[in-house]
C-alpha cells in the first residue's frame, strides 16, 4: 500500500510541478540497476546522517500506515539519541540502549538482524531503526483502531515512550503533570521538529550524460550541512572561518560542521569525469567558454551569482530541471533544492555554463 500511495503521489506531483515548484528526489540512472534511487522516499528526507538515511527510508517503506513518514522516524530518533550510536552517549539512566533507545525486553520483541551482521543488536543502526519502524507501525495501527480521539502519530509516539497502556489510561497522550511531563514533552517536541527533516519531493533525472550524472551525485548529498571551506572531491569535511564567512550565532560553525560549501559540492558532483577548480569564481572561469541561455538550461548546468561582475562571483548551483537548482546555500542550512528565481537574489544572477 505504501508503495502504491508513493507512486500515485509522485505522478500527481509531476503534473503540479510547474505551478507549485515542488521537487522530490527520485533519481533514475539508465546505467544503474533498475529501481535504484537516491535522496529520499516518497515523502522525502533530509538533515539526517548518511548512515541513517537508507534505514529510515526502508523502515518507512515497510510500514503500510500512511501516517508513517521518514520525517516522523527521523525526528523521533533525534529526540531519542541525537543520532548517537556509542554506548557512552546512547545509554540512558533507565537502561535504554542504542540510537532508538530500546529497553532490552522491548528490543527482544521488535529487533531483527536487519543488517545481516549475524547479530541482532540495538546498537546496530539498521537493526535499531528497523525495530523502531516496526514498533511505530504497530502503534500507529493500534492508535488508528483504538477509537481514542486525536492525531494517531501523537498517540503512537506516546505509546512508544510510555507504553500503550498509559495511552489507554489517559485516553490520549498523558498530560504534562504525569511523570514530570516526560511523555507530554516527548510528543510535543517530536511533532514540532518533524519539519526540519522533511525533504523535497519529485525530480526525475534520466540519461547518462555528464550533467545528469553530476546531478545524481550531488543529490546523494541532500541534507548534508553547509560548511564554509568544507568538502572536497572525496566528500564532505569540516571547513574553516575567514573572519567573515563560516560563523553562526557568533561562533565558527564551519570548523565543527562536516559538509560542503557551494563550490565544493559542484566540484564533488563532477569529479573525476570533469575536474573543476575549487572556488565558484574559478569554476565560472573554467566553464565560461560554454555559456548557456536561461531558456536552454539542462540538468547539470552550473548557475552563478555575483556582487556586480564576474570577478566577484560568490555562489554556484547546479540546475536540477523544472526551474529548480540544487545547491549548498549558506551557513546554517543544508544541501537542498530551491527555485532558481529565489535560490539567491535575482539581481545577482550572472548566468549559466555547461562544463
Protein backbone atom coordinates (compact mmCIF):
# COMPACT_ATOMS: atom_id res chain seq x y z
CA UNK A 1 0.00 0.00 0.00
CA UNK A 2 2.81 2.40 0.88
CA UNK A 3 4.49 1.88 -2.49
CA UNK A 4 1.21 2.45 -4.32
CA UNK A 5 0.49 5.63 -2.38
CA UNK A 6 4.00 6.91 -3.11
CA UNK A 7 3.69 6.18 -6.82
CA UNK A 8 0.35 7.97 -7.12
CA UNK A 9 1.70 10.94 -5.21
CA UNK A 10 4.74 11.13 -7.48
CA UNK A 11 2.64 11.18 -10.65
CA UNK A 12 0.38 13.87 -9.24
CA UNK A 13 3.42 15.86 -8.15
CA UNK A 14 4.89 15.86 -11.65
CA UNK A 15 1.69 17.32 -13.05
CA UNK A 16 1.74 20.12 -10.50
CA UNK A 17 5.44 21.00 -10.52
CA UNK A 18 5.15 23.95 -12.88
CA UNK A 19 2.67 25.64 -10.55
CA UNK A 20 3.94 24.60 -7.15
CA UNK A 21 7.71 24.33 -7.74
CA UNK A 22 7.83 21.22 -5.60
CA UNK A 23 10.73 18.90 -6.01
CA UNK A 24 11.04 15.30 -4.82
CA UNK A 25 14.11 13.20 -5.40
CA UNK A 26 13.53 10.11 -7.47
CA UNK A 27 16.80 9.55 -9.27
CA UNK A 28 16.76 7.25 -12.27
CA UNK A 29 20.09 6.20 -13.74
CA UNK A 30 19.79 4.41 -17.06
CA UNK A 31 23.20 2.91 -16.44
CA UNK A 32 22.37 1.84 -12.90
CA UNK A 33 20.46 -1.23 -11.82
CA UNK A 34 16.70 -0.95 -12.16
CA UNK A 35 14.90 0.56 -9.22
CA UNK A 36 17.95 2.24 -7.67
CA UNK A 37 17.08 5.59 -6.11
CA UNK A 38 18.90 8.27 -4.15
CA UNK A 39 17.88 11.15 -1.99
CA UNK A 40 14.65 10.24 -0.25
CA UNK A 41 11.47 8.26 -0.20
CA UNK A 42 8.08 9.32 -1.40
CA UNK A 43 7.72 11.87 1.38
CA UNK A 44 11.36 12.99 1.23
CA UNK A 45 14.01 13.23 3.91
CA UNK A 46 16.93 15.49 4.70
CA UNK A 47 19.11 16.60 7.56
CA UNK A 48 19.97 13.12 8.86
CA UNK A 49 23.38 11.41 8.99
CA UNK A 50 24.00 9.41 5.82
CA UNK A 51 24.39 6.15 7.73
CA UNK A 52 20.80 6.52 8.99
CA UNK A 53 19.16 7.67 5.75
CA UNK A 54 18.71 4.37 3.92
CA UNK A 55 17.44 2.59 7.02
CA UNK A 56 14.90 5.30 7.82
CA UNK A 57 13.57 5.15 4.26
CA UNK A 58 13.47 1.35 4.38
CA UNK A 59 11.63 1.34 7.71
CA UNK A 60 9.10 3.83 6.35
CA UNK A 61 8.56 1.81 3.17
CA UNK A 62 7.95 -1.36 5.18
CA UNK A 63 5.01 0.22 7.01
CA UNK A 64 1.54 0.22 5.43
CA UNK A 65 0.31 3.14 7.54
CA UNK A 66 0.18 6.43 5.58
CA UNK A 67 0.73 8.33 8.85
CA UNK A 68 4.25 6.92 8.96
CA UNK A 69 6.78 9.18 7.25
CA UNK A 70 10.59 9.32 7.13
CA UNK A 71 10.49 12.70 8.89
CA UNK A 72 8.50 11.22 11.79
CA UNK A 73 11.08 8.48 12.29
CA UNK A 74 13.97 10.94 11.93
CA UNK A 75 12.52 13.41 14.43
CA UNK A 76 11.92 10.57 16.87
CA UNK A 77 15.49 9.29 16.50
CA UNK A 78 16.82 12.80 17.02
CA UNK A 79 14.80 13.16 20.21
CA UNK A 80 15.83 9.73 21.44
CA UNK A 81 19.57 9.95 20.86
CA UNK A 82 20.54 12.86 18.56
CA UNK A 83 21.62 10.03 16.20
CA UNK A 84 24.33 8.97 18.65
CA UNK A 85 25.50 5.37 18.45
CA UNK A 86 28.21 4.91 21.08
CA UNK A 87 27.45 3.05 24.29
CA UNK A 88 28.66 6.05 26.28
CA UNK A 89 26.36 8.53 24.55
CA UNK A 90 23.37 6.32 23.76
CA UNK A 91 22.68 4.57 27.05
CA UNK A 92 20.04 6.20 29.25
CA UNK A 93 19.95 6.25 33.03
CA UNK A 94 16.97 3.89 32.80
CA UNK A 95 18.95 1.41 30.72
CA UNK A 96 17.57 2.21 27.25
CA UNK A 97 20.12 1.37 24.56
CA UNK A 98 21.18 2.50 21.11
CA UNK A 99 20.06 5.23 18.74
CA UNK A 100 16.37 4.24 19.05
CA UNK A 101 16.65 3.86 22.85
CA UNK A 102 15.16 0.41 23.33
CA UNK A 103 14.89 -1.27 26.68
CA UNK A 104 16.32 -4.81 26.32
CA UNK A 105 12.96 -6.51 26.82
CA UNK A 106 11.23 -4.32 24.24
CA UNK A 107 14.00 -4.79 21.70
CA UNK A 108 13.68 -8.55 22.12
CA UNK A 109 10.17 -8.19 20.73
CA UNK A 110 10.87 -5.87 17.81
CA UNK A 111 14.53 -6.45 16.95
CA UNK A 112 15.75 -8.48 13.96
CA UNK A 113 19.13 -8.92 12.30
CA UNK A 114 18.13 -6.47 9.57
CA UNK A 115 21.67 -5.54 8.57
CA UNK A 116 22.72 -9.17 8.14
CA UNK A 117 25.63 -8.87 10.55
CA UNK A 118 24.85 -12.16 12.23
CA UNK A 119 23.82 -10.39 15.43
CA UNK A 120 20.60 -8.66 16.45
CA UNK A 121 21.65 -5.57 18.37
CA UNK A 122 20.07 -2.25 19.44
CA UNK A 123 23.49 -0.71 18.79
CA UNK A 124 23.45 -1.58 15.08
CA UNK A 125 21.86 1.29 13.16
CA UNK A 126 19.98 -0.96 10.77
CA UNK A 127 18.64 -3.25 13.47
CA UNK A 128 17.66 -0.31 15.69
CA UNK A 129 15.91 1.78 13.04
CA UNK A 130 14.01 -1.15 11.55
CA UNK A 131 12.87 -2.19 15.04
CA UNK A 132 11.78 1.39 15.69
CA UNK A 133 9.84 1.38 12.43
CA UNK A 134 8.12 -1.92 13.20
CA UNK A 135 7.10 -0.79 16.67
CA UNK A 136 5.87 2.61 15.46
CA UNK A 137 3.96 1.00 12.59
CA UNK A 138 2.24 -1.34 15.04
CA UNK A 139 1.44 1.54 17.38
CA UNK A 140 0.03 3.63 14.52
CA UNK A 141 -2.21 0.70 13.60
CA UNK A 142 -3.31 0.29 17.21
CA UNK A 143 -3.97 4.01 17.56
CA UNK A 144 -5.99 4.09 14.33
CA UNK A 145 -8.21 1.25 15.53
CA UNK A 146 -8.41 2.30 19.18
CA UNK A 147 -11.27 4.77 18.99
CA UNK A 148 -9.20 7.24 21.01
CA UNK A 149 -9.54 10.70 19.54
CA UNK A 150 -6.53 12.71 18.45
CA UNK A 151 -3.66 12.60 15.97
CA UNK A 152 -2.63 8.94 15.71
CA UNK A 153 1.01 9.98 15.35
CA UNK A 154 0.86 11.65 18.75
CA UNK A 155 -0.82 8.60 20.26
CA UNK A 156 1.78 6.25 18.74
CA UNK A 157 4.66 8.38 19.99
CA UNK A 158 3.18 8.39 23.47
CA UNK A 159 2.84 4.62 23.29
CA UNK A 160 6.49 4.30 22.24
CA UNK A 161 7.64 6.43 25.17
CA UNK A 162 5.31 5.37 27.96
CA UNK A 163 3.65 2.17 26.74
CA UNK A 164 0.24 1.83 25.11
CA UNK A 165 -1.36 1.11 28.48
CA UNK A 166 -0.70 4.69 29.55
CA UNK A 167 -2.36 6.00 26.39
CA UNK A 168 -5.43 3.95 27.22
CA UNK A 169 -5.30 5.08 30.85
CA UNK A 170 -5.29 8.75 29.90
CA UNK A 171 -7.49 8.42 26.82
CA UNK A 172 -4.71 10.02 24.81
CA UNK A 173 -1.24 11.47 25.42
CA UNK A 174 -0.54 11.55 29.17
CA UNK A 175 -0.90 15.09 30.48
CA UNK A 176 2.06 17.25 31.44
CA UNK A 177 1.57 16.54 35.14
CA UNK A 178 2.26 12.82 34.70
CA UNK A 179 5.88 11.63 35.15
CA UNK A 180 7.15 15.20 35.19
CA UNK A 181 5.75 15.82 31.74
CA UNK A 182 8.24 13.43 30.12
CA UNK A 183 5.85 11.82 27.64
CA UNK A 184 3.88 15.02 27.08
CA UNK A 185 7.04 16.91 26.14
CA UNK A 186 8.46 13.97 24.17
CA UNK A 187 5.45 14.00 21.86
CA UNK A 188 5.31 17.79 21.63
CA UNK A 189 8.99 18.12 20.70
CA UNK A 190 8.94 15.40 18.04
CA UNK A 191 5.81 16.76 16.37
CA UNK A 192 7.29 20.26 16.32
CA UNK A 193 10.66 19.19 14.89
CA UNK A 194 9.44 16.89 12.11
CA UNK A 195 9.51 19.71 9.57
CA UNK A 196 13.29 20.08 9.82
CA UNK A 197 13.68 16.57 8.41
CA UNK A 198 11.08 16.80 5.66
CA UNK A 199 12.83 16.56 2.32
CA UNK A 200 11.99 17.91 -1.07
CA UNK A 201 9.94 15.84 -3.34
CA UNK A 202 9.93 14.86 -7.27
CA UNK A 203 12.81 15.42 -9.59
CA UNK A 204 13.31 12.80 -12.25
CA UNK A 205 16.81 12.64 -13.68
CA UNK A 206 17.27 10.32 -16.64
CA UNK A 207 20.07 9.91 -19.11
CA UNK A 208 23.75 9.11 -18.95
CA UNK A 209 25.40 12.41 -19.84
CA UNK A 210 27.92 14.12 -17.59
CA UNK A 211 25.38 16.70 -16.41
CA UNK A 212 22.82 14.09 -15.36
CA UNK A 213 25.50 12.03 -13.63
CA UNK A 214 26.75 15.10 -11.76
CA UNK A 215 23.25 15.98 -10.64
CA UNK A 216 22.68 12.45 -9.31
CA UNK A 217 25.97 12.57 -7.44
CA UNK A 218 25.17 15.96 -5.92
CA UNK A 219 21.66 14.79 -4.98
CA UNK A 220 23.17 11.99 -2.93
CA UNK A 221 24.27 14.74 -0.54
CA UNK A 222 20.85 16.29 0.02
CA UNK A 223 20.52 17.15 3.69
CA UNK A 224 24.28 17.43 4.22
CA UNK A 225 25.08 20.61 6.20
CA UNK A 226 26.71 23.66 4.64
CA UNK A 227 30.27 24.11 5.87
CA UNK A 228 32.23 27.10 4.58
CA UNK A 229 35.56 25.85 3.21
CA UNK A 230 34.47 22.25 3.76
CA UNK A 231 34.09 19.46 1.25
CA UNK A 232 36.27 18.02 -1.47
CA UNK A 233 36.06 15.54 -4.36
CA UNK A 234 36.23 12.82 -1.69
CA UNK A 235 33.11 14.02 0.13
CA UNK A 236 32.04 16.29 2.98
CA UNK A 237 34.54 17.55 5.55
CA UNK A 238 34.89 20.25 8.17
CA UNK A 239 35.64 23.75 6.96
CA UNK A 240 37.08 26.95 8.42
CA UNK A 241 36.18 30.59 9.00
CA UNK A 242 37.90 33.56 7.37
CA UNK A 243 36.84 36.42 9.61
CA UNK A 244 33.60 36.97 7.69
CA UNK A 245 32.25 33.61 6.50
CA UNK A 246 31.50 30.38 8.31
CA UNK A 247 30.06 31.84 11.50
CA UNK A 248 26.74 31.03 13.14
CA UNK A 249 25.46 32.76 16.28
CA UNK A 250 28.84 34.35 16.85
CA UNK A 251 30.93 31.20 16.68
CA UNK A 252 32.89 29.49 13.92
CA UNK A 253 30.38 26.84 12.87
CA UNK A 254 32.40 25.70 9.85
CA UNK A 255 35.26 24.31 11.92
CA UNK A 256 32.94 21.82 13.64
CA UNK A 257 30.50 21.12 10.80
CA UNK A 258 31.10 18.32 8.31
CA UNK A 259 29.66 19.31 4.96
CA UNK A 260 30.10 21.21 1.71
CA UNK A 261 30.08 24.80 0.59
CA UNK A 262 28.56 25.73 -2.76
CA UNK A 263 31.62 25.21 -4.93
CA UNK A 264 32.96 22.08 -3.22
CA UNK A 265 29.57 20.44 -3.80
CA UNK A 266 29.84 21.25 -7.51
CA UNK A 267 33.42 20.00 -7.61
CA UNK A 268 32.35 16.77 -5.86
CA UNK A 269 29.44 16.32 -8.28
CA UNK A 270 31.55 16.45 -11.43
CA UNK A 271 34.67 14.67 -10.14
CA UNK A 272 36.53 12.80 -11.59
CA UNK A 273 34.93 12.98 -15.05
CA UNK A 274 35.41 16.76 -15.09
CA UNK A 275 37.96 18.09 -12.62
CA UNK A 276 36.63 21.55 -11.88
CA UNK A 277 38.63 24.00 -9.75
CA UNK A 278 37.68 24.64 -6.12
CA UNK A 279 36.01 28.08 -5.96
CA UNK A 280 32.85 29.40 -7.60
CA UNK A 281 34.75 32.16 -9.41
CA UNK A 282 37.33 29.70 -10.73
CA UNK A 283 34.59 27.32 -11.83
CA UNK A 284 32.99 30.13 -13.81
CA UNK A 285 36.34 30.92 -15.40
CA UNK A 286 36.88 27.27 -16.31
CA UNK A 287 33.46 26.88 -17.96
CA UNK A 288 32.55 30.37 -19.23
CA UNK A 289 33.61 29.41 -22.77
CA UNK A 290 30.38 27.39 -22.95
CA UNK A 291 27.61 29.79 -21.77
CA UNK A 292 24.00 28.62 -21.65
CA UNK A 293 20.96 30.86 -22.05
CA UNK A 294 18.35 30.60 -19.33
CA UNK A 295 15.84 29.19 -21.81
CA UNK A 296 18.26 26.40 -22.78
CA UNK A 297 19.22 25.13 -19.33
CA UNK A 298 19.69 21.39 -18.88
CA UNK A 299 20.14 19.34 -15.67
CA UNK A 300 23.74 19.59 -14.54
CA UNK A 301 24.38 23.10 -15.90
CA UNK A 302 26.10 25.47 -13.49
CA UNK A 303 24.48 28.75 -12.44
CA UNK A 304 26.36 31.68 -10.93
CA UNK A 305 25.58 34.74 -8.80
CA UNK A 306 27.80 37.77 -8.29
CA UNK A 307 28.06 41.08 -6.48
CA UNK A 308 28.20 43.11 -9.66
CA UNK A 309 30.63 41.42 -12.05
CA UNK A 310 32.13 38.07 -12.97
CA UNK A 311 35.16 38.97 -10.87
CA UNK A 312 33.03 38.94 -7.71
CA UNK A 313 31.10 35.70 -8.16
CA UNK A 314 30.03 34.39 -4.75
CA UNK A 315 27.72 31.44 -5.41
CA UNK A 316 27.31 28.48 -7.74
CA UNK A 317 24.45 25.97 -8.04
CA UNK A 318 23.54 23.02 -10.26
CA UNK A 319 20.47 23.22 -12.44
CA UNK A 320 18.02 20.48 -11.39
CA UNK A 321 15.36 20.93 -14.06
CA UNK A 322 11.84 22.38 -13.91
CA UNK A 323 13.14 25.79 -12.87
CA UNK A 324 14.93 24.50 -9.77
CA UNK A 325 18.53 24.34 -8.59
CA UNK A 326 20.39 22.03 -6.23
CA UNK A 327 22.92 23.84 -4.07
CA UNK A 328 24.62 24.32 -0.71
CA UNK A 329 23.10 27.68 0.23
CA UNK A 330 24.82 29.13 3.30
CA UNK A 331 25.96 28.52 6.88
CA UNK A 332 23.16 27.08 8.98
CA UNK A 333 21.43 25.46 6.00
CA UNK A 334 21.70 22.06 4.28
CA UNK A 335 22.25 20.96 0.70
CA UNK A 336 18.79 21.41 -0.79
CA UNK A 337 16.68 22.14 -3.85
CA UNK A 338 15.20 25.60 -4.41
CA UNK A 339 13.55 27.58 -7.23
CA UNK A 340 16.09 29.30 -9.47
CA UNK A 341 14.20 32.57 -9.03
CA UNK A 342 14.66 32.62 -5.26
CA UNK A 343 17.75 30.48 -4.56
CA UNK A 344 19.78 33.69 -4.43
CA UNK A 345 18.87 37.36 -5.12
CA UNK A 346 17.58 37.56 -8.69
CA UNK A 347 19.53 40.77 -9.32
CA UNK A 348 22.80 38.92 -8.62
CA UNK A 349 22.27 36.24 -11.25
CA UNK A 350 25.18 36.26 -13.72
CA UNK A 351 24.35 33.37 -16.00
CA UNK A 352 24.92 29.68 -16.61
CA UNK A 353 27.59 27.48 -18.14
CA UNK A 354 27.87 23.85 -19.22
CA UNK A 355 31.02 22.01 -18.06
